[in-house]
Amino acid sequence: MSAPRKTERTRNPLFQKEKPRLGDDLSFAAAEAYKLLRTNVLFALPDEQKCRLVGVTSTCSGEGKSTLALNLAYMLASAGERVLVIEADMRIPTIAKQLGVNPSPGLSNLLAGLCTVGEAIQSSGLHNQLWVLTSGGIPPNPSELLGSRSMRNSLDALNKAFDFILLDLPPVTEVADALVISKLADGMIMVVRQDYTNRRAFNAAMNQLRYVQAKILGFVITWGDYTKNGGKHKQGYGYYAESAKKGRP
């Protein structure tokens, strides 16, 4: 399977950008799929005595990882968990725009010592148990910041205040940021957009994650066309619960 050319993505309605649906605005099918994803994550990381740190990444950009991170966080918050979404994609940030919150101060400002944790964290506006730490100003050295001692110290401090921290990470094959921080995460969720991701690139991404010994919790297929199987919902989310050791999407 080869990746569609940009011209094909432009002409094909499947690849045209739409405003993401978040929280209460989700369709019934999407909400149920996210609840299933929440259940699988809770089973995969059952330790309720500590904060669980989960990274969300993809092979390439445009696969829906940021939207998925926000909606999974919303479902976790709806179940009574105190959740923080950290926009660790400091190169092409989108979460502040999706939520309509201030993009700065954020993570880059915090790691550079320009603000405190209290000044950087904001209410998400989606749920009273859900907070967000936006990317902040775009820095010249995102990988170095994510791998810094300041990042470790910040996560250690945040772990005491939340039950779940979701990291919205850059795509694996485009920059090394996700690989740098994967060592700090309890597990990684790989987002794969149907009929979009190049198989060779996907395999390369998985090899890189295995090389750094990242724990893959599972895969989420986005933009699944269920009409091919007689379903009623063309656009939705499906969860592939097998681990990377047992299979691939």
C-alpha atoms as a PDB file:
ATOM      1  CA  MET A   1       0.000   0.000   0.000  1.00  0.00           C
ATOM      2  CA  SER A   2       1.532   3.282  -1.059  1.00  0.00           C
ATOM      3  CA  ALA A   3       0.782   6.664   0.456  1.00  0.00           C
ATOM      4  CA  PRO A   4      -1.599   8.866  -1.584  1.00  0.00           C
ATOM      5  CA  ARG A   5       0.003  11.768  -3.367  1.00  0.00           C
ATOM      6  CA  LYS A   6      -0.867  15.263  -2.158  1.00  0.00           C
ATOM      7  CA  THR A   7      -3.042  15.826  -5.225  1.00  0.00           C
ATOM      8  CA  GLU A   8      -5.031  12.684  -4.416  1.00  0.00           C
ATOM      9  CA  ARG A   9      -5.441  13.776  -0.804  1.00  0.00           C
ATOM     10  CA  THR A  10      -6.738  17.151  -1.969  1.00  0.00           C
ATOM     11  CA  ARG A  11      -9.270  15.721  -4.410  1.00  0.00           C
ATOM     12  CA  ASN A  12     -10.473  12.832  -2.267  1.00  0.00           C
ATOM     13  CA  PRO A  13     -13.093  13.897   0.331  1.00  0.00           C
ATOM     14  CA  LEU A  14     -11.624  11.298   2.696  1.00  0.00           C
ATOM     15  CA  PHE A  15      -8.497  13.411   3.106  1.00  0.00           C
ATOM     16  CA  GLN A  16     -10.164  16.809   3.384  1.00  0.00           C
ATOM     17  CA  LYS A  17      -9.800  18.378   6.824  1.00  0.00           C
ATOM     18  CA  GLU A  18     -12.873  18.766   8.985  1.00  0.00           C
ATOM     19  CA  LYS A  19     -13.283  20.439  12.353  1.00  0.00           C
ATOM     20  CA  PRO A  20     -12.636  17.697  14.917  1.00  0.00           C
ATOM     21  CA  ARG A  21     -15.514  16.614  17.135  1.00  0.00           C
ATOM     22  CA  LEU A  22     -14.608  16.632  20.814  1.00  0.00           C
ATOM     23  CA  GLY A  23     -16.229  15.579  24.065  1.00  0.00           C
ATOM     24  CA  ASP A  24     -20.013  15.923  24.116  1.00  0.00           C
ATOM     25  CA  ASP A  25     -20.010  16.663  20.389  1.00  0.00           C
ATOM     26  CA  LEU A  26     -18.983  13.095  19.484  1.00  0.00           C
ATOM     27  CA  SER A  27     -21.368  10.886  17.552  1.00  0.00           C
ATOM     28  CA  PHE A  28     -22.809   7.891  19.382  1.00  0.00           C
ATOM     29  CA  ALA A  29     -20.582   5.455  17.464  1.00  0.00           C
ATOM     30  CA  ALA A  30     -17.415   7.470  18.111  1.00  0.00           C
ATOM     31  CA  ALA A  31     -18.269   7.921  21.805  1.00  0.00           C
ATOM     32  CA  GLU A  32     -18.777   4.168  22.220  1.00  0.00           C
ATOM     33  CA  ALA A  33     -15.488   3.441  20.463  1.00  0.00           C
ATOM     34  CA  TYR A  34     -13.644   5.875  22.742  1.00  0.00           C
ATOM     35  CA  LYS A  35     -15.244   4.241  25.790  1.00  0.00           C
ATOM     36  CA  LEU A  36     -13.933   0.898  24.556  1.00  0.00           C
ATOM     37  CA  LEU A  37     -10.498   2.448  24.127  1.00  0.00           C
ATOM     38  CA  ARG A  38     -10.715   3.840  27.669  1.00  0.00           C
ATOM     39  CA  THR A  39     -11.597   0.392  29.017  1.00  0.00           C
ATOM     40  CA  ASN A  40      -8.659  -1.216  27.234  1.00  0.00           C
ATOM     41  CA  VAL A  41      -6.252   1.426  28.533  1.00  0.00           C
ATOM     42  CA  LEU A  42      -7.521   0.979  32.106  1.00  0.00           C
ATOM     43  CA  PHE A  43      -7.062  -2.787  31.828  1.00  0.00           C
ATOM     44  CA  ALA A  44      -3.602  -2.385  30.292  1.00  0.00           C
ATOM     45  CA  LEU A  45      -2.468  -0.006  33.080  1.00  0.00           C
ATOM     46  CA  PRO A  46      -4.434  -1.091  36.166  1.00  0.00           C
ATOM     47  CA  ASP A  47      -2.224   0.395  38.889  1.00  0.00           C
ATOM     48  CA  GLU A  48      -4.448   2.998  40.554  1.00  0.00           C
ATOM     49  CA  GLN A  49      -1.798   3.915  43.135  1.00  0.00           C
ATOM     50  CA  LYS A  50       0.224   6.001  40.693  1.00  0.00           C
ATOM     51  CA  CYS A  51      -0.234   8.362  37.793  1.00  0.00           C
ATOM     52  CA  ARG A  52      -0.182   6.552  34.460  1.00  0.00           C
ATOM     53  CA  LEU A  53       1.716   8.249  31.647  1.00  0.00           C
ATOM     54  CA  VAL A  54       0.570   7.369  28.113  1.00  0.00           C
ATOM     55  CA  GLY A  55       2.079   8.623  24.860  1.00  0.00           C
ATOM     56  CA  VAL A  56      -0.055   9.022  21.726  1.00  0.00           C
ATOM     57  CA  THR A  57       1.771   9.080  18.408  1.00  0.00           C
ATOM     58  CA  SER A  58       1.459   8.081  14.751  1.00  0.00           C
ATOM     59  CA  THR A  59       3.588   7.287  11.726  1.00  0.00           C
ATOM     60  CA  CYS A  60       3.041  10.597   9.945  1.00  0.00           C
ATOM     61  CA  SER A  61       1.071  13.801  10.405  1.00  0.00           C
ATOM     62  CA  GLY A  62      -2.647  14.016   9.654  1.00  0.00           C
ATOM     63  CA  GLU A  63      -3.684  10.723  11.260  1.00  0.00           C
ATOM     64  CA  GLY A  64      -5.734  12.241  14.089  1.00  0.00           C
ATOM     65  CA  LYS A  65      -3.494  11.637  17.110  1.00  0.00           C
ATOM     66  CA  SER A  66      -4.205  14.992  18.796  1.00  0.00           C
ATOM     67  CA  THR A  67      -7.968  14.624  18.464  1.00  0.00           C
ATOM     68  CA  LEU A  68      -7.728  11.076  19.763  1.00  0.00           C
ATOM     69  CA  ALA A  69      -5.631  12.138  22.758  1.00  0.00           C
ATOM     70  CA  LEU A  70      -8.201  14.797  23.708  1.00  0.00           C
ATOM     71  CA  ASN A  71     -11.195  12.487  23.362  1.00  0.00           C
ATOM     72  CA  LEU A  72      -9.544   9.632  25.234  1.00  0.00           C
ATOM     73  CA  ALA A  73      -8.678  12.123  27.985  1.00  0.00           C
ATOM     74  CA  TYR A  74     -12.303  13.279  28.029  1.00  0.00           C
ATOM     75  CA  MET A  75     -13.549   9.710  28.459  1.00  0.00           C
ATOM     76  CA  LEU A  76     -11.065   9.069  31.262  1.00  0.00           C
ATOM     77  CA  ALA A  77     -12.152  12.282  32.981  1.00  0.00           C
ATOM     78  CA  SER A  78     -15.810  11.252  32.592  1.00  0.00           C
ATOM     79  CA  ALA A  79     -14.931   8.073  34.502  1.00  0.00           C
ATOM     80  CA  GLY A  80     -13.692  10.114  37.453  1.00  0.00           C
ATOM     81  CA  GLU A  81      -9.974  10.247  36.627  1.00  0.00           C
ATOM     82  CA  ARG A  82      -8.000  13.465  37.016  1.00  0.00           C
ATOM     83  CA  VAL A  83      -6.421  13.860  33.578  1.00  0.00           C
ATOM     84  CA  LEU A  84      -3.824  16.147  32.032  1.00  0.00           C
ATOM     85  CA  VAL A  85      -3.109  16.344  28.306  1.00  0.00           C
ATOM     86  CA  ILE A  86       0.386  17.598  27.521  1.00  0.00           C
ATOM     87  CA  GLU A  87       0.900  18.899  24.000  1.00  0.00           C
ATOM     88  CA  ALA A  88       4.409  17.547  23.524  1.00  0.00           C
ATOM     89  CA  ASP A  89       4.214  18.186  19.780  1.00  0.00           C
ATOM     90  CA  MET A  90       5.970  21.529  19.905  1.00  0.00           C
ATOM     91  CA  ARG A  91       6.669  21.656  16.166  1.00  0.00           C
ATOM     92  CA  ILE A  92       3.139  21.684  14.715  1.00  0.00           C
ATOM     93  CA  PRO A  93       0.841  22.250  17.718  1.00  0.00           C
ATOM     94  CA  THR A  94      -2.922  22.034  17.216  1.00  0.00           C
ATOM     95  CA  ILE A  95      -4.511  21.425  20.624  1.00  0.00           C
ATOM     96  CA  ALA A  96      -4.774  25.068  21.712  1.00  0.00           C
ATOM     97  CA  LYS A  97      -6.635  25.880  18.498  1.00  0.00           C
ATOM     98  CA  GLN A  98      -8.925  22.859  18.862  1.00  0.00           C
ATOM     99  CA  LEU A  99      -9.845  23.793  22.435  1.00  0.00           C
ATOM    100  CA  GLY A 100      -9.851  27.549  21.954  1.00  0.00           C
ATOM    101  CA  VAL A 101      -7.404  28.129  24.837  1.00  0.00           C
ATOM    102  CA  ASN A 102      -4.286  30.260  25.129  1.00  0.00           C
ATOM    103  CA  PRO A 103      -1.327  28.613  23.345  1.00  0.00           C
ATOM    104  CA  SER A 104       1.189  30.188  25.711  1.00  0.00           C
ATOM    105  CA  PRO A 105       2.595  29.914  28.313  1.00  0.00           C
ATOM    106  CA  GLY A 106       2.939  26.195  27.837  1.00  0.00           C
ATOM    107  CA  LEU A 107       5.342  23.282  27.887  1.00  0.00           C
ATOM    108  CA  SER A 108       8.274  24.986  26.170  1.00  0.00           C
ATOM    109  CA  ASN A 109       7.992  27.984  28.496  1.00  0.00           C
ATOM    110  CA  LEU A 110       7.824  25.686  31.523  1.00  0.00           C
ATOM    111  CA  LEU A 111      10.866  23.660  30.481  1.00  0.00           C
ATOM    112  CA  ALA A 112      12.823  26.838  29.769  1.00  0.00           C
ATOM    113  CA  GLY A 113      12.078  28.109  33.287  1.00  0.00           C
ATOM    114  CA  LEU A 114       9.963  31.025  32.052  1.00  0.00           C
ATOM    115  CA  CYS A 115       6.829  30.095  33.996  1.00  0.00           C
ATOM    116  CA  THR A 116       5.575  27.832  36.766  1.00  0.00           C
ATOM    117  CA  VAL A 117       3.423  24.713  36.462  1.00  0.00           C
ATOM    118  CA  GLY A 118       0.456  26.614  37.856  1.00  0.00           C
ATOM    119  CA  GLU A 119       0.830  29.327  35.232  1.00  0.00           C
ATOM    120  CA  ALA A 120       1.115  26.845  32.351  1.00  0.00           C
ATOM    121  CA  ILE A 121      -1.765  24.438  33.098  1.00  0.00           C
ATOM    122  CA  GLN A 122      -5.233  25.455  31.891  1.00  0.00           C
ATOM    123  CA  SER A 123      -8.733  24.075  32.132  1.00  0.00           C
ATOM    124  CA  SER A 124      -9.602  22.231  28.927  1.00  0.00           C
ATOM    125  CA  GLY A 125     -13.174  23.466  28.768  1.00  0.00           C
ATOM    126  CA  LEU A 126     -14.302  19.921  27.926  1.00  0.00           C
ATOM    127  CA  HIS A 127     -14.616  18.512  31.455  1.00  0.00           C
ATOM    128  CA  ASN A 128     -13.938  19.791  34.976  1.00  0.00           C
ATOM    129  CA  GLN A 129     -11.580  16.838  35.576  1.00  0.00           C
ATOM    130  CA  LEU A 130      -9.561  17.503  32.430  1.00  0.00           C
ATOM    131  CA  TRP A 131      -6.692  19.984  32.166  1.00  0.00           C
ATOM    132  CA  VAL A 132      -4.293  20.816  29.359  1.00  0.00           C
ATOM    133  CA  LEU A 133      -0.667  21.929  29.090  1.00  0.00           C
ATOM    134  CA  THR A 134      -0.276  23.419  25.627  1.00  0.00           C
ATOM    135  CA  SER A 135       2.969  23.423  23.687  1.00  0.00           C
ATOM    136  CA  GLY A 136       3.763  27.078  24.391  1.00  0.00           C
ATOM    137  CA  GLY A 137       6.053  29.053  22.122  1.00  0.00           C
ATOM    138  CA  ILE A 138       7.693  27.006  19.370  1.00  0.00           C
ATOM    139  CA  PRO A 139      11.302  26.403  20.484  1.00  0.00           C
ATOM    140  CA  PRO A 140      14.350  25.793  18.262  1.00  0.00           C
ATOM    141  CA  ASN A 141      15.220  22.549  20.102  1.00  0.00           C
ATOM    142  CA  PRO A 142      12.111  20.476  20.953  1.00  0.00           C
ATOM    143  CA  SER A 143      13.943  17.131  21.175  1.00  0.00           C
ATOM    144  CA  GLU A 144      16.497  18.529  23.613  1.00  0.00           C
ATOM    145  CA  LEU A 145      13.750  20.002  25.795  1.00  0.00           C
ATOM    146  CA  LEU A 146      11.764  16.752  25.875  1.00  0.00           C
ATOM    147  CA  GLY A 147      14.862  14.778  26.828  1.00  0.00           C
ATOM    148  CA  SER A 148      16.014  17.266  29.445  1.00  0.00           C
ATOM    149  CA  ARG A 149      16.186  16.864  33.201  1.00  0.00           C
ATOM    150  CA  SER A 150      13.640  19.678  33.420  1.00  0.00           C
ATOM    151  CA  MET A 151      11.131  17.479  31.570  1.00  0.00           C
ATOM    152  CA  ARG A 152      11.703  14.601  33.976  1.00  0.00           C
ATOM    153  CA  ASN A 153      11.363  16.888  36.977  1.00  0.00           C
ATOM    154  CA  SER A 154       8.183  18.455  35.599  1.00  0.00           C
ATOM    155  CA  LEU A 155       6.599  15.040  35.013  1.00  0.00           C
ATOM    156  CA  ASP A 156       7.585  13.922  38.512  1.00  0.00           C
ATOM    157  CA  ALA A 157       5.810  16.975  39.936  1.00  0.00           C
ATOM    158  CA  LEU A 158       2.716  16.522  37.757  1.00  0.00           C
ATOM    159  CA  ASN A 159       2.455  12.818  38.599  1.00  0.00           C
ATOM    160  CA  LYS A 160       1.432  13.766  42.128  1.00  0.00           C
ATOM    161  CA  ALA A 161      -1.578  15.777  40.946  1.00  0.00           C
ATOM    162  CA  PHE A 162      -3.101  13.546  38.253  1.00  0.00           C
ATOM    163  CA  ASP A 163      -4.294   9.985  37.694  1.00  0.00           C
ATOM    164  CA  PHE A 164      -3.487  10.035  33.966  1.00  0.00           C
ATOM    165  CA  ILE A 165      -1.171  12.139  31.831  1.00  0.00           C
ATOM    166  CA  LEU A 166      -1.569  11.820  28.060  1.00  0.00           C
ATOM    167  CA  LEU A 167       1.300  13.034  25.889  1.00  0.00           C
ATOM    168  CA  ASP A 168       0.370  14.199  22.397  1.00  0.00           C
ATOM    169  CA  LEU A 169       3.621  13.379  20.585  1.00  0.00           C
ATOM    170  CA  PRO A 170       4.919  14.191  17.080  1.00  0.00           C
ATOM    171  CA  PRO A 171       4.857  11.449  14.399  1.00  0.00           C
ATOM    172  CA  VAL A 172       7.610   8.864  14.805  1.00  0.00           C
ATOM    173  CA  THR A 173       9.017   8.930  11.274  1.00  0.00           C
ATOM    174  CA  GLU A 174       9.238  12.705  10.982  1.00  0.00           C
ATOM    175  CA  VAL A 175      11.222  13.666  14.107  1.00  0.00           C
ATOM    176  CA  ALA A 176      12.851  11.881  17.047  1.00  0.00           C
ATOM    177  CA  ASP A 177      10.753  13.589  19.750  1.00  0.00           C
ATOM    178  CA  ALA A 178       8.392  10.646  20.367  1.00  0.00           C
ATOM    179  CA  LEU A 179      11.318   8.242  20.681  1.00  0.00           C
ATOM    180  CA  VAL A 180      13.083  10.519  23.155  1.00  0.00           C
ATOM    181  CA  ILE A 181      10.159  10.669  25.552  1.00  0.00           C
ATOM    182  CA  SER A 182       8.858   7.115  25.047  1.00  0.00           C
ATOM    183  CA  LYS A 183      11.288   5.930  27.741  1.00  0.00           C
ATOM    184  CA  LEU A 184       9.363   7.978  30.306  1.00  0.00           C
ATOM    185  CA  ALA A 185       5.919   6.649  29.314  1.00  0.00           C
ATOM    186  CA  ASP A 186       4.185   3.636  30.809  1.00  0.00           C
ATOM    187  CA  GLY A 187       2.904   2.805  27.334  1.00  0.00           C
ATOM    188  CA  MET A 188       2.349   4.125  23.823  1.00  0.00           C
ATOM    189  CA  ILE A 189      -0.763   4.206  21.635  1.00  0.00           C
ATOM    190  CA  MET A 190      -0.121   4.123  17.891  1.00  0.00           C
ATOM    191  CA  VAL A 191      -2.686   5.947  15.741  1.00  0.00           C
ATOM    192  CA  VAL A 192      -3.112   4.647  12.180  1.00  0.00           C
ATOM    193  CA  ARG A 193      -5.391   6.370   9.677  1.00  0.00           C
ATOM    194  CA  GLN A 194      -7.095   3.985   7.273  1.00  0.00           C
ATOM    195  CA  ASP A 195      -6.004   4.181   3.610  1.00  0.00           C
ATOM    196  CA  TYR A 196      -3.528   6.922   4.486  1.00  0.00           C
ATOM    197  CA  THR A 197      -0.421   5.516   6.128  1.00  0.00           C
ATOM    198  CA  ASN A 198       2.315   4.079   3.963  1.00  0.00           C
ATOM    199  CA  ARG A 199       2.975   0.495   5.057  1.00  0.00           C
ATOM    200  CA  ARG A 200       6.743   0.829   4.684  1.00  0.00           C
ATOM    201  CA  ALA A 201       6.729   3.979   6.804  1.00  0.00           C
ATOM    202  CA  PHE A 202       4.542   2.280   9.409  1.00  0.00           C
ATOM    203  CA  ASN A 203       6.943  -0.659   9.656  1.00  0.00           C
ATOM    204  CA  ALA A 204       9.855   1.757   9.988  1.00  0.00           C
ATOM    205  CA  ALA A 205       8.034   3.580  12.801  1.00  0.00           C
ATOM    206  CA  MET A 206       7.369   0.322  14.652  1.00  0.00           C
ATOM    207  CA  ASN A 207      10.990  -0.731  14.280  1.00  0.00           C
ATOM    208  CA  GLN A 208      12.134   2.556  15.783  1.00  0.00           C
ATOM    209  CA  LEU A 209       9.772   2.170  18.742  1.00  0.00           C
ATOM    210  CA  ARG A 210      10.950  -1.396  19.313  1.00  0.00           C
ATOM    211  CA  TYR A 211      14.559  -0.249  19.154  1.00  0.00           C
ATOM    212  CA  VAL A 212      14.034   2.122  22.098  1.00  0.00           C
ATOM    213  CA  GLN A 213      12.006  -0.624  23.839  1.00  0.00           C
ATOM    214  CA  ALA A 214       8.801   1.399  23.956  1.00  0.00           C
ATOM    215  CA  LYS A 215       5.812  -0.484  25.368  1.00  0.00           C
ATOM    216  CA  ILE A 216       3.075  -0.500  22.719  1.00  0.00           C
ATOM    217  CA  LEU A 217      -0.345  -0.677  24.363  1.00  0.00           C
ATOM    218  CA  GLY A 218      -2.147  -1.065  21.042  1.00  0.00           C
ATOM    219  CA  PHE A 219      -3.255   0.555  17.824  1.00  0.00           C
ATOM    220  CA  VAL A 220      -6.202   2.808  17.033  1.00  0.00           C
ATOM    221  CA  ILE A 221      -7.535   2.872  13.480  1.00  0.00           C
ATOM    222  CA  THR A 222      -8.984   6.275  12.625  1.00  0.00           C
ATOM    223  CA  TRP A 223     -11.276   7.246   9.780  1.00  0.00           C
ATOM    224  CA  GLY A 224     -12.444   3.648   9.435  1.00  0.00           C
ATOM    225  CA  ASP A 225     -14.945   3.122   6.612  1.00  0.00           C
ATOM    226  CA  TYR A 226     -17.468   0.785   8.210  1.00  0.00           C
ATOM    227  CA  THR A 227     -19.781   0.959   5.204  1.00  0.00           C
ATOM    228  CA  LYS A 228     -17.485  -1.596   3.566  1.00  0.00           C
ATOM    229  CA  ASN A 229     -18.671  -4.103   6.163  1.00  0.00           C
ATOM    230  CA  GLY A 230     -22.326  -3.127   6.065  1.00  0.00           C
ATOM    231  CA  GLY A 231     -22.071  -0.612   8.921  1.00  0.00           C
ATOM    232  CA  LYS A 232     -23.945   2.666   9.125  1.00  0.00           C
ATOM    233  CA  HIS A 233     -21.118   4.954  10.190  1.00  0.00           C
ATOM    234  CA  LYS A 234     -18.545   5.817   7.567  1.00  0.00           C
ATOM    235  CA  GLN A 235     -16.242   7.857   9.755  1.00  0.00           C
ATOM    236  CA  GLY A 236     -15.367   6.621  13.221  1.00  0.00           C
ATOM    237  CA  TYR A 237     -12.729   5.120  15.444  1.00  0.00           C
ATOM    238  CA  GLY A 238     -11.808   1.488  15.931  1.00  0.00           C
ATOM    239  CA  TYR A 239      -9.487   0.022  18.531  1.00  0.00           C
ATOM    240  CA  TYR A 240      -7.072  -2.766  17.713  1.00  0.00           C
ATOM    241  CA  ALA A 241      -6.464  -4.351  21.091  1.00  0.00           C
ATOM    242  CA  GLU A 242      -3.686  -6.813  20.250  1.00  0.00           C
ATOM    243  CA  SER A 243      -0.180  -5.869  21.293  1.00  0.00           C
ATOM    244  CA  ALA A 244       2.583  -5.306  18.759  1.00  0.00           C
ATOM    245  CA  LYS A 245       3.930  -8.755  19.564  1.00  0.00           C
ATOM    246  CA  LYS A 246       0.718 -10.465  18.482  1.00  0.00           C
ATOM    247  CA  GLY A 247      -0.120  -8.635  15.294  1.00  0.00           C
ATOM    248  CA  ARG A 248      -0.395  -5.444  13.290  1.00  0.00           C
ATOM    249  CA  PRO A 249      -3.384  -3.447  12.043  1.00  0.00           C
END
